[in-house]
C-alpha atoms as a PDB file:
ATOM      1  CA  HIS A   1      -3.665  -8.847 -13.268  1.00  0.00           C
ATOM      2  CA  GLY A   2      -0.362  -6.976 -12.840  1.00  0.00           C
ATOM      3  CA  ILE A   3      -2.056  -3.793 -11.639  1.00  0.00           C
ATOM      4  CA  THR A   4      -4.228  -5.882  -9.298  1.00  0.00           C
ATOM      5  CA  TYR A   5      -1.110  -7.544  -7.888  1.00  0.00           C
ATOM      6  CA  ALA A   6       0.773  -4.261  -7.390  1.00  0.00           C
ATOM      7  CA  THR A   7      -2.207  -2.607  -5.733  1.00  0.00           C
ATOM      8  CA  SER A   8      -3.245  -5.472  -3.474  1.00  0.00           C
ATOM      9  CA  ILE A   9       0.284  -6.279  -2.261  1.00  0.00           C
ATOM     10  CA  SER A  10       0.595  -2.651  -1.163  1.00  0.00           C
ATOM     11  CA  GLY A  11      -2.354  -3.141   1.200  1.00  0.00           C
ATOM     12  CA  MET A  12      -5.293  -1.841  -0.829  1.00  0.00           C
ATOM     13  CA  GLU A  13      -8.464  -3.706  -1.692  1.00  0.00           C
ATOM     14  CA  VAL A  14      -9.040  -4.325  -5.405  1.00  0.00           C
ATOM     15  CA  ILE A  15     -12.084  -5.092  -7.508  1.00  0.00           C
ATOM     16  CA  MET A  16     -10.735  -6.757 -10.661  1.00  0.00           C
ATOM     17  CA  ILE A  17     -13.343  -6.775 -13.423  1.00  0.00           C
ATOM     18  CA  ASP A  18     -13.313  -8.681 -16.683  1.00  0.00           C
ATOM     19  CA  THR A  19     -15.899  -9.416 -19.368  1.00  0.00           C
ATOM     20  CA  THR A  20     -16.917 -12.737 -17.808  1.00  0.00           C
ATOM     21  CA  GLN A  21     -16.532 -14.354 -14.405  1.00  0.00           C
ATOM     22  CA  GLU A  22     -14.358 -16.988 -16.063  1.00  0.00           C
ATOM     23  CA  ASN A  23     -11.967 -14.334 -17.405  1.00  0.00           C
ATOM     24  CA  ALA A  24     -11.878 -12.588 -14.030  1.00  0.00           C
ATOM     25  CA  ALA A  25     -10.979 -15.927 -12.396  1.00  0.00           C
ATOM     26  CA  LYS A  26      -8.159 -16.365 -14.937  1.00  0.00           C
ATOM     27  CA  GLY A  27      -6.816 -12.938 -13.967  1.00  0.00           C
ATOM     28  CA  LEU A  28      -6.908 -13.936 -10.308  1.00  0.00           C
ATOM     29  CA  GLU A  29      -5.008 -17.122 -11.152  1.00  0.00           C
ATOM     30  CA  ARG A  30      -2.283 -14.996 -12.765  1.00  0.00           C
ATOM     31  CA  VAL A  31      -2.029 -12.953  -9.558  1.00  0.00           C
ATOM     32  CA  LYS A  32      -1.796 -16.186  -7.554  1.00  0.00           C
ATOM     33  CA  SER A  33       1.006 -17.356  -9.851  1.00  0.00           C
ATOM     34  CA  ILE A  34       3.043 -14.207  -9.157  1.00  0.00           C
ATOM     35  CA  LEU A  35       2.436 -14.556  -5.417  1.00  0.00           C
ATOM     36  CA  THR A  36       3.457 -18.233  -5.433  1.00  0.00           C
ATOM     37  CA  LYS A  37       6.741 -17.311  -7.119  1.00  0.00           C
ATOM     38  CA  GLU A  38       7.298 -14.591  -4.505  1.00  0.00           C
ATOM     39  CA  VAL A  39       6.709 -17.124  -1.710  1.00  0.00           C
ATOM     40  CA  ASP A  40       9.031 -19.665  -3.369  1.00  0.00           C
ATOM     41  CA  LYS A  41      11.784 -17.032  -3.599  1.00  0.00           C
ATOM     42  CA  GLY A  42      11.310 -16.077   0.056  1.00  0.00           C
ATOM     43  CA  LYS A  43      10.240 -12.520  -0.812  1.00  0.00           C
ATOM     44  CA  ILE A  44       6.882 -12.861   0.969  1.00  0.00           C
ATOM     45  CA  THR A  45       5.401 -15.314   3.472  1.00  0.00           C
ATOM     46  CA  LYS A  46       2.464 -17.647   2.903  1.00  0.00           C
ATOM     47  CA  GLN A  47       0.546 -15.487   5.383  1.00  0.00           C
ATOM     48  CA  LYS A  48       1.202 -12.367   3.285  1.00  0.00           C
ATOM     49  CA  GLU A  49       0.064 -14.274   0.182  1.00  0.00           C
ATOM     50  CA  LYS A  50      -3.234 -15.123   1.895  1.00  0.00           C
ATOM     51  CA  GLU A  51      -3.711 -11.524   3.055  1.00  0.00           C
ATOM     52  CA  VAL A  52      -3.105 -10.188  -0.456  1.00  0.00           C
ATOM     53  CA  LEU A  53      -5.580 -12.636  -2.006  1.00  0.00           C
ATOM     54  CA  LYS A  54      -8.250 -11.678   0.557  1.00  0.00           C
ATOM     55  CA  ARG A  55      -8.040  -8.086  -0.704  1.00  0.00           C
ATOM     56  CA  ILE A  56      -8.960  -9.058  -4.288  1.00  0.00           C
ATOM     57  CA  THR A  57     -12.479  -9.508  -5.633  1.00  0.00           C
ATOM     58  CA  ALA A  58     -12.480 -10.960  -9.157  1.00  0.00           C
ATOM     59  CA  THR A  59     -15.807 -10.348 -10.893  1.00  0.00           C
ATOM     60  CA  SER A  60     -17.640  -9.462 -14.082  1.00  0.00           C
ATOM     61  CA  ASP A  61     -20.119  -7.273 -12.155  1.00  0.00           C
ATOM     62  CA  PHE A  62     -19.459  -3.555 -12.739  1.00  0.00           C
ATOM     63  CA  SER A  63     -21.721  -2.603  -9.825  1.00  0.00           C
ATOM     64  CA  LYS A  64     -18.992  -3.897  -7.468  1.00  0.00           C
ATOM     65  CA  ILE A  65     -16.924  -0.759  -8.192  1.00  0.00           C
ATOM     66  CA  ALA A  66     -19.471   1.460  -6.442  1.00  0.00           C
ATOM     67  CA  GLY A  67     -17.554   3.103  -3.608  1.00  0.00           C
ATOM     68  CA  CYS A  68     -14.117   2.764  -5.229  1.00  0.00           C
ATOM     69  CA  ASP A  69     -12.269   6.073  -5.294  1.00  0.00           C
ATOM     70  CA  LEU A  70      -9.926   5.122  -8.156  1.00  0.00           C
ATOM     71  CA  ILE A  71     -10.779   2.992 -11.162  1.00  0.00           C
ATOM     72  CA  ILE A  72      -8.073   1.964 -13.614  1.00  0.00           C
ATOM     73  CA  GLU A  73      -9.215   0.876 -17.048  1.00  0.00           C
ATOM     74  CA  ALA A  74      -6.697  -1.572 -18.509  1.00  0.00           C
ATOM     75  CA  VAL A  75      -8.310  -3.133 -21.570  1.00  0.00           C
ATOM     76  CA  PHE A  76      -6.763  -3.585 -25.024  1.00  0.00           C
ATOM     77  CA  GLU A  77      -5.575  -0.519 -26.976  1.00  0.00           C
ATOM     78  CA  ASN A  78      -8.850   0.048 -28.786  1.00  0.00           C
ATOM     79  CA  ILE A  79     -10.435   3.461 -28.325  1.00  0.00           C
ATOM     80  CA  ASP A  80     -14.022   2.212 -28.717  1.00  0.00           C
ATOM     81  CA  LEU A  81     -13.511  -0.569 -26.196  1.00  0.00           C
ATOM     82  CA  LYS A  82     -11.817   1.790 -23.727  1.00  0.00           C
ATOM     83  CA  GLN A  83     -14.571   4.395 -24.080  1.00  0.00           C
ATOM     84  CA  ASN A  84     -17.263   1.738 -23.560  1.00  0.00           C
ATOM     85  CA  VAL A  85     -15.548   0.566 -20.358  1.00  0.00           C
ATOM     86  CA  ILE A  86     -15.217   4.159 -19.160  1.00  0.00           C
ATOM     87  CA  VAL A  87     -18.939   4.841 -19.762  1.00  0.00           C
ATOM     88  CA  ASP A  88     -19.903   1.560 -18.025  1.00  0.00           C
ATOM     89  CA  ALA A  89     -17.695   2.352 -15.022  1.00  0.00           C
ATOM     90  CA  GLU A  90     -18.963   5.909 -14.736  1.00  0.00           C
ATOM     91  CA  LYS A  91     -22.480   4.661 -13.958  1.00  0.00           C
ATOM     92  CA  PHE A  92     -21.213   3.433 -10.576  1.00  0.00           C
ATOM     93  CA  MET A  93     -18.824   6.264  -9.696  1.00  0.00           C
ATOM     94  CA  GLY A  94     -19.278   9.040  -7.180  1.00  0.00           C
ATOM     95  CA  ARG A  95     -18.703  12.695  -8.082  1.00  0.00           C
ATOM     96  CA  THR A  96     -15.157  12.783  -6.679  1.00  0.00           C
ATOM     97  CA  ASP A  97     -14.033   9.363  -7.869  1.00  0.00           C
ATOM     98  CA  ILE A  98     -11.259   9.174 -10.449  1.00  0.00           C
ATOM     99  CA  ILE A  99     -10.916   7.004 -13.505  1.00  0.00           C
ATOM    100  CA  ALA A 100      -7.549   6.382 -15.082  1.00  0.00           C
ATOM    101  CA  SER A 101      -6.680   4.728 -18.361  1.00  0.00           C
ATOM    102  CA  ASN A 102      -3.683   2.440 -18.647  1.00  0.00           C
ATOM    103  CA  THR A 103      -3.365   3.383 -22.307  1.00  0.00           C
ATOM    104  CA  SER A 104       0.045   3.546 -23.912  1.00  0.00           C
ATOM    105  CA  THR A 105      -0.955   5.088 -27.234  1.00  0.00           C
ATOM    106  CA  ILE A 106      -4.317   6.884 -27.079  1.00  0.00           C
ATOM    107  CA  PRO A 107      -4.331  10.556 -26.003  1.00  0.00           C
ATOM    108  CA  ILE A 108      -5.929  10.979 -22.568  1.00  0.00           C
ATOM    109  CA  SER A 109      -7.833  14.102 -23.617  1.00  0.00           C
ATOM    110  CA  LYS A 110      -9.423  12.119 -26.446  1.00  0.00           C
ATOM    111  CA  LEU A 111     -10.512   9.338 -24.064  1.00  0.00           C
ATOM    112  CA  ALA A 112     -11.776  11.885 -21.533  1.00  0.00           C
ATOM    113  CA  LYS A 113     -14.338  13.153 -24.050  1.00  0.00           C
ATOM    114  CA  SER A 114     -16.526  10.119 -23.316  1.00  0.00           C
ATOM    115  CA  PHE A 115     -16.414  10.855 -19.572  1.00  0.00           C
ATOM    116  CA  LEU A 116     -18.916  13.258 -17.963  1.00  0.00           C
ATOM    117  CA  ARG A 117     -16.291  14.675 -15.542  1.00  0.00           C
ATOM    118  CA  PRO A 118     -13.061  15.036 -17.576  1.00  0.00           C
ATOM    119  CA  GLU A 119     -11.454  16.815 -14.610  1.00  0.00           C
ATOM    120  CA  ASN A 120     -11.525  13.406 -12.847  1.00  0.00           C
ATOM    121  CA  PHE A 121      -9.884  11.575 -15.760  1.00  0.00           C
ATOM    122  CA  ILE A 122      -6.153  10.832 -16.043  1.00  0.00           C
ATOM    123  CA  GLY A 123      -3.721   8.397 -17.568  1.00  0.00           C
ATOM    124  CA  ILE A 124      -1.758   5.989 -15.394  1.00  0.00           C
ATOM    125  CA  HIS A 125       0.369   3.859 -17.693  1.00  0.00           C
ATOM    126  CA  PHE A 126       2.145   0.837 -16.232  1.00  0.00           C
ATOM    127  CA  PHE A 127       5.006  -0.876 -18.010  1.00  0.00           C
ATOM    128  CA  SER A 128       4.938  -4.636 -18.419  1.00  0.00           C
ATOM    129  CA  PRO A 129       5.434  -6.772 -16.470  1.00  0.00           C
ATOM    130  CA  VAL A 130       3.850  -4.543 -13.832  1.00  0.00           C
ATOM    131  CA  HIS A 131       5.121  -6.574 -10.879  1.00  0.00           C
ATOM    132  CA  LYS A 132       8.730  -6.025 -11.991  1.00  0.00           C
ATOM    133  CA  MET A 133       8.748  -2.572 -13.590  1.00  0.00           C
ATOM    134  CA  LYS A 134       9.005   0.422 -11.240  1.00  0.00           C
ATOM    135  CA  LEU A 135       8.292   3.281 -13.640  1.00  0.00           C
ATOM    136  CA  VAL A 136       4.701   4.495 -14.158  1.00  0.00           C
ATOM    137  CA  GLU A 137       3.709   7.290 -16.537  1.00  0.00           C
ATOM    138  CA  ILE A 138       1.148   9.819 -15.321  1.00  0.00           C
ATOM    139  CA  ILE A 139      -0.608  11.521 -18.240  1.00  0.00           C
ATOM    140  CA  LYS A 140      -2.563  14.695 -17.501  1.00  0.00           C
ATOM    141  CA  GLY A 141      -5.368  15.465 -19.945  1.00  0.00           C
ATOM    142  CA  GLN A 142      -6.380  18.965 -21.013  1.00  0.00           C
ATOM    143  CA  LYS A 143      -9.080  19.101 -18.327  1.00  0.00           C
ATOM    144  CA  THR A 144      -7.500  16.923 -15.610  1.00  0.00           C
ATOM    145  CA  SER A 145      -7.746  18.755 -12.275  1.00  0.00           C
ATOM    146  CA  PRO A 146      -4.792  19.322  -9.952  1.00  0.00           C
ATOM    147  CA  LEU A 147      -6.560  17.182  -7.319  1.00  0.00           C
ATOM    148  CA  THR A 148      -6.886  14.267  -9.753  1.00  0.00           C
ATOM    149  CA  LEU A 149      -3.221  14.640 -10.655  1.00  0.00           C
ATOM    150  CA  ALA A 150      -2.233  14.642  -6.965  1.00  0.00           C
ATOM    151  CA  LYS A 151      -4.348  11.553  -6.241  1.00  0.00           C
ATOM    152  CA  ALA A 152      -2.767   9.692  -9.162  1.00  0.00           C
ATOM    153  CA  PHE A 153       0.737  10.517  -7.902  1.00  0.00           C
ATOM    154  CA  ASP A 154      -0.239   9.467  -4.359  1.00  0.00           C
ATOM    155  CA  TYR A 155      -1.578   6.130  -5.624  1.00  0.00           C
ATOM    156  CA  VAL A 156       1.539   5.364  -7.676  1.00  0.00           C
ATOM    157  CA  LEU A 157       3.804   6.179  -4.728  1.00  0.00           C
ATOM    158  CA  LYS A 158       1.671   4.092  -2.344  1.00  0.00           C
ATOM    159  CA  ILE A 159       2.121   0.997  -4.513  1.00  0.00           C
ATOM    160  CA  GLY A 160       5.888   1.497  -4.485  1.00  0.00           C
ATOM    161  CA  LYS A 161       6.293   2.675  -8.062  1.00  0.00           C
ATOM    162  CA  VAL A 162       8.104   5.701  -9.499  1.00  0.00           C
ATOM    163  CA  PRO A 163       5.735   8.201 -11.144  1.00  0.00           C
ATOM    164  CA  ILE A 164       6.841  10.404 -14.021  1.00  0.00           C
ATOM    165  CA  MET A 165       4.727  13.058 -15.706  1.00  0.00           C
ATOM    166  CA  VAL A 166       4.531  12.791 -19.496  1.00  0.00           C
ATOM    167  CA  ASN A 167       2.811  14.924 -22.135  1.00  0.00           C
ATOM    168  CA  ASP A 168      -0.581  13.966 -23.497  1.00  0.00           C
ATOM    169  CA  GLY A 169      -0.590  12.911 -27.135  1.00  0.00           C
ATOM    170  CA  PRO A 170      -0.222   9.835 -29.330  1.00  0.00           C
ATOM    171  CA  GLY A 171       2.396   7.598 -27.714  1.00  0.00           C
ATOM    172  CA  PHE A 172       3.044  10.396 -25.173  1.00  0.00           C
END
């Protein structure tokens, strides 16, 4: 929900996927909670809150990601689970689309092995809580292309975060 918040408040549309529609709705409620606090503190207007929420689609339907140019996997730190999500997402991706893992411990090059286009695979690791932390680690895998790297940096800058490049490996 933190990545969804940071992305949608920056003006981008977001498809937030979870294992069930109920879980996706819970994630959306967490985003709403952050937005409500921002309104209460006077940091954003009610109108901005409504605009941000309109940009979010909470779903359990992977087919909704068709047409997305960047997909960020942010499931628990379990390599099998992450690889399954990556394979499921890849079915709906175009040839130039990028997938990023929000892993904090698993080497990106190891995760990229389950992806058909490892040149389009990268790590984008957000610190928690995402809506408060500015720093984001960009992790380039062995086969990550320069274009994928540039797109990841562009995304992180667009959402108002500070990207830093870190080495690929356990715990970076």
